[in-house]
Amino acid sequence: MLIGLTAALSPGPLMALIIGETLRYGRWAGMQIAIVPFLTDLPFVFLAVTIALELRSFAPALGILSMLGGILLLSLGIQNLRAKTIQPSHHPSSRSMMKGILLNLLNPYPYVLWFSIGSPIFARGTLLDDAAFAGALMFTSVLTMIVLVLLVEQLGKLFLPVLHWIIRILGIVLLFYALVFFRAAWGYLV
């Protein structure tokens, strides 16, 4: 559960997207992204449980995913920088969940988490142990992100006059993570 809490509270592209979408489109948009790990991480868990491969053998795939993730983050960051007047809406037309799914699938870190941390833990336990570990990690992570959405929504109301600047700062954060992804892609592919 501590790993899930840490993963959810670690600054990263998914957190920046959750905060930005919540501020721009309201609680429901943020909640859609918060539950994304339930949709995207399960294949990683099953693969990590069934296939215990060296992480290095995934380097080219992680490099390509990093590059694609960097491109997606670059696009999302530019969208935030170009955002005009921000007026939170409770009718998100932003396709928030799809953004979150794409971001998480193109993010190499869930793969790294499940294969580098999960695989050794999975190798030591029974199937029930493995399910308990994965379930506790994912449940804690998603619950933490849902609490983050609720906090961001309330803080967004307090900071409404400067919300457009917060969104732009989050755009810069996403651009920073795009560079991190491009650097990771370089490391995996070279």
Protein backbone atom coordinates (compact mmCIF):
# COMPACT_ATOMS: atom_id res chain seq x y z
CA MET A 1 0.00 0.00 0.00
CA LEU A 2 2.92 2.35 0.71
CA ILE A 3 4.28 1.76 -2.78
CA GLY A 4 0.85 2.65 -4.21
CA LEU A 5 0.63 5.78 -2.05
CA THR A 6 4.13 6.82 -3.08
CA ALA A 7 3.43 6.14 -6.75
CA ALA A 8 0.23 8.20 -6.65
CA LEU A 9 1.84 11.15 -4.87
CA SER A 10 5.02 11.19 -6.94
CA PRO A 11 5.05 14.17 -9.25
CA GLY A 12 4.68 12.93 -12.77
CA PRO A 13 2.81 13.37 -15.99
CA LEU A 14 -0.32 11.55 -14.80
CA MET A 15 -0.55 13.77 -11.72
CA ALA A 16 -0.10 16.90 -13.85
CA LEU A 17 -2.83 15.69 -16.20
CA ILE A 18 -5.17 14.91 -13.27
CA ILE A 19 -4.67 18.37 -11.78
CA GLY A 20 -5.03 20.16 -15.12
CA GLU A 21 -8.14 18.28 -16.22
CA THR A 22 -9.76 18.70 -12.80
CA LEU A 23 -9.12 22.44 -12.84
CA ARG A 24 -10.28 22.83 -16.43
CA TYR A 25 -13.25 20.43 -16.54
CA GLY A 26 -14.16 19.57 -12.96
CA ARG A 27 -14.18 16.58 -10.65
CA TRP A 28 -15.56 14.04 -13.12
CA ALA A 29 -12.71 14.64 -15.59
CA GLY A 30 -10.12 14.15 -12.85
CA MET A 31 -11.88 11.03 -11.54
CA GLN A 32 -11.81 9.49 -15.01
CA ILE A 33 -8.03 9.83 -15.07
CA ALA A 34 -7.64 8.68 -11.46
CA ILE A 35 -9.16 5.28 -12.27
CA VAL A 36 -7.04 4.79 -15.39
CA PRO A 37 -4.50 2.51 -13.62
CA PHE A 38 -7.30 -0.01 -13.07
CA LEU A 39 -7.70 -0.11 -16.84
CA THR A 40 -4.11 0.15 -18.02
CA ASP A 41 -1.99 -1.54 -15.35
CA LEU A 42 -3.77 -4.91 -15.19
CA PRO A 43 -2.11 -6.20 -18.38
CA PHE A 44 1.27 -5.17 -16.93
CA VAL A 45 0.52 -7.04 -13.72
CA PHE A 46 -0.53 -10.22 -15.53
CA LEU A 47 2.50 -10.04 -17.79
CA ALA A 48 4.86 -9.40 -14.88
CA VAL A 49 3.39 -12.35 -12.97
CA THR A 50 3.60 -14.77 -15.89
CA ILE A 51 6.81 -13.62 -17.58
CA ALA A 52 9.90 -12.89 -15.48
CA LEU A 53 12.12 -11.24 -18.05
CA GLU A 54 15.09 -9.00 -17.53
CA LEU A 55 14.12 -5.33 -17.77
CA ARG A 56 16.95 -4.75 -20.23
CA SER A 57 15.25 -6.99 -22.79
CA PHE A 58 12.43 -4.44 -22.87
CA ALA A 59 14.75 -1.50 -23.57
CA PRO A 60 13.78 -0.95 -27.25
CA ALA A 61 10.06 -1.21 -26.45
CA LEU A 62 10.47 1.15 -23.48
CA GLY A 63 12.42 3.53 -25.73
CA ILE A 64 9.63 3.64 -28.31
CA LEU A 65 6.99 4.04 -25.59
CA SER A 66 9.04 6.85 -24.03
CA MET A 67 9.28 8.62 -27.38
CA LEU A 68 5.53 8.32 -28.03
CA GLY A 69 4.79 9.36 -24.45
CA GLY A 70 7.05 12.39 -24.88
CA ILE A 71 5.16 13.39 -28.01
CA LEU A 72 1.82 13.04 -26.19
CA LEU A 73 3.11 15.07 -23.22
CA LEU A 74 4.42 17.74 -25.58
CA SER A 75 0.98 17.99 -27.17
CA LEU A 76 -0.84 18.12 -23.81
CA GLY A 77 1.61 20.72 -22.49
CA ILE A 78 1.10 22.92 -25.54
CA GLN A 79 -2.69 22.60 -25.12
CA ASN A 80 -2.37 23.86 -21.54
CA LEU A 81 -0.11 26.75 -22.60
CA ARG A 82 -2.60 27.77 -25.29
CA ALA A 83 -5.62 27.52 -22.98
CA LYS A 84 -7.65 30.72 -22.99
CA THR A 85 -9.84 31.80 -20.12
CA ILE A 86 -10.36 28.90 -17.77
CA GLN A 87 -13.86 28.31 -16.52
CA PRO A 88 -14.24 24.90 -14.88
CA SER A 89 -17.04 22.90 -16.45
CA HIS A 90 -18.80 19.92 -15.00
CA HIS A 91 -19.48 18.61 -18.49
CA PRO A 92 -16.05 17.52 -19.69
CA SER A 93 -15.81 17.27 -23.42
CA SER A 94 -12.07 16.87 -23.07
CA ARG A 95 -12.03 13.07 -23.37
CA SER A 96 -10.13 13.03 -20.09
CA MET A 97 -10.18 9.27 -19.64
CA MET A 98 -8.78 8.71 -23.15
CA LYS A 99 -6.00 11.20 -22.43
CA GLY A 100 -5.19 9.36 -19.21
CA ILE A 101 -5.27 5.94 -20.87
CA LEU A 102 -2.99 7.07 -23.69
CA LEU A 103 -0.63 8.76 -21.27
CA ASN A 104 -0.40 5.73 -18.99
CA LEU A 105 0.05 3.26 -21.86
CA LEU A 106 2.81 5.42 -23.37
CA ASN A 107 4.44 6.02 -20.01
CA PRO A 108 7.31 3.57 -19.41
CA TYR A 109 7.11 3.95 -15.63
CA PRO A 110 4.17 1.57 -15.04
CA TYR A 111 6.09 -1.03 -17.04
CA VAL A 112 9.21 -0.33 -14.99
CA LEU A 113 7.21 -0.50 -11.74
CA TRP A 114 5.56 -3.80 -12.49
CA PHE A 115 8.61 -5.47 -14.04
CA SER A 116 11.36 -4.17 -11.77
CA ILE A 117 9.51 -4.01 -8.44
CA GLY A 118 6.55 -6.28 -9.11
CA SER A 119 8.33 -9.22 -10.75
CA PRO A 120 10.68 -9.97 -7.85
CA ILE A 121 7.78 -9.71 -5.40
CA PHE A 122 5.60 -11.87 -7.64
CA ALA A 123 8.37 -14.47 -7.95
CA ARG A 124 8.43 -14.99 -4.17
CA GLY A 125 4.71 -15.26 -3.51
CA THR A 126 1.75 -17.42 -4.30
CA LEU A 127 -0.90 -16.34 -6.78
CA LEU A 128 -2.98 -15.10 -3.84
CA ASP A 129 0.01 -13.11 -2.51
CA ASP A 130 0.55 -11.64 -5.97
CA ALA A 131 -3.10 -10.62 -6.28
CA ALA A 132 -3.04 -9.06 -2.79
CA PHE A 133 0.13 -7.07 -3.55
CA ALA A 134 -1.12 -5.82 -6.93
CA GLY A 135 -4.60 -5.09 -5.60
CA ALA A 136 -3.34 -3.18 -2.56
CA LEU A 137 -0.90 -1.14 -4.66
CA MET A 138 -3.47 -0.25 -7.32
CA PHE A 139 -6.32 0.40 -4.87
CA THR A 140 -4.17 2.70 -2.73
CA SER A 141 -2.82 4.51 -5.78
CA VAL A 142 -6.25 5.11 -7.30
CA LEU A 143 -7.83 6.10 -3.97
CA THR A 144 -4.99 8.58 -3.38
CA MET A 145 -5.52 10.10 -6.83
CA ILE A 146 -9.27 10.41 -6.19
CA VAL A 147 -8.54 12.29 -2.95
CA LEU A 148 -6.13 14.48 -4.94
CA VAL A 149 -8.90 15.25 -7.46
CA LEU A 150 -11.26 16.33 -4.65
CA LEU A 151 -8.58 18.54 -3.08
CA VAL A 152 -7.65 20.10 -6.41
CA GLU A 153 -11.29 20.81 -7.19
CA GLN A 154 -11.73 22.68 -3.89
CA LEU A 155 -8.43 24.57 -4.25
CA GLY A 156 -9.34 25.43 -7.84
CA LYS A 157 -12.42 27.27 -6.59
CA LEU A 158 -10.26 29.30 -4.21
CA PHE A 159 -7.74 30.19 -6.91
CA LEU A 160 -10.21 30.85 -9.76
CA PRO A 161 -8.74 34.32 -10.54
CA VAL A 162 -5.30 32.81 -11.25
CA LEU A 163 -6.47 29.48 -12.63
CA HIS A 164 -5.26 30.25 -16.16
CA TRP A 165 -1.74 30.74 -14.81
CA ILE A 166 -1.91 27.47 -12.86
CA ILE A 167 -2.99 25.66 -16.05
CA ARG A 168 -0.09 27.24 -17.95
CA ILE A 169 2.36 26.24 -15.21
CA LEU A 170 1.01 22.69 -15.46
CA GLY A 171 1.57 22.95 -19.21
CA ILE A 172 5.21 23.75 -18.51
CA VAL A 173 5.36 20.77 -16.12
CA LEU A 174 4.01 18.54 -18.91
CA LEU A 175 6.62 19.94 -21.31
CA PHE A 176 9.31 19.17 -18.72
CA TYR A 177 8.08 15.57 -18.50
CA ALA A 178 8.06 15.38 -22.30
CA LEU A 179 11.79 16.18 -22.15
CA VAL A 180 12.25 13.55 -19.43
CA PHE A 181 10.52 11.00 -21.67
CA PHE A 182 12.64 11.98 -24.68
CA ARG A 183 15.78 11.63 -22.57
CA ALA A 184 14.62 8.20 -21.36
CA ALA A 185 13.89 7.17 -24.96
CA TRP A 186 17.40 8.19 -25.92
CA GLY A 187 18.81 6.09 -23.08
CA TYR A 188 16.74 3.05 -24.00
CA LEU A 189 17.41 3.25 -27.73
CA VAL A 190 21.10 4.18 -27.75
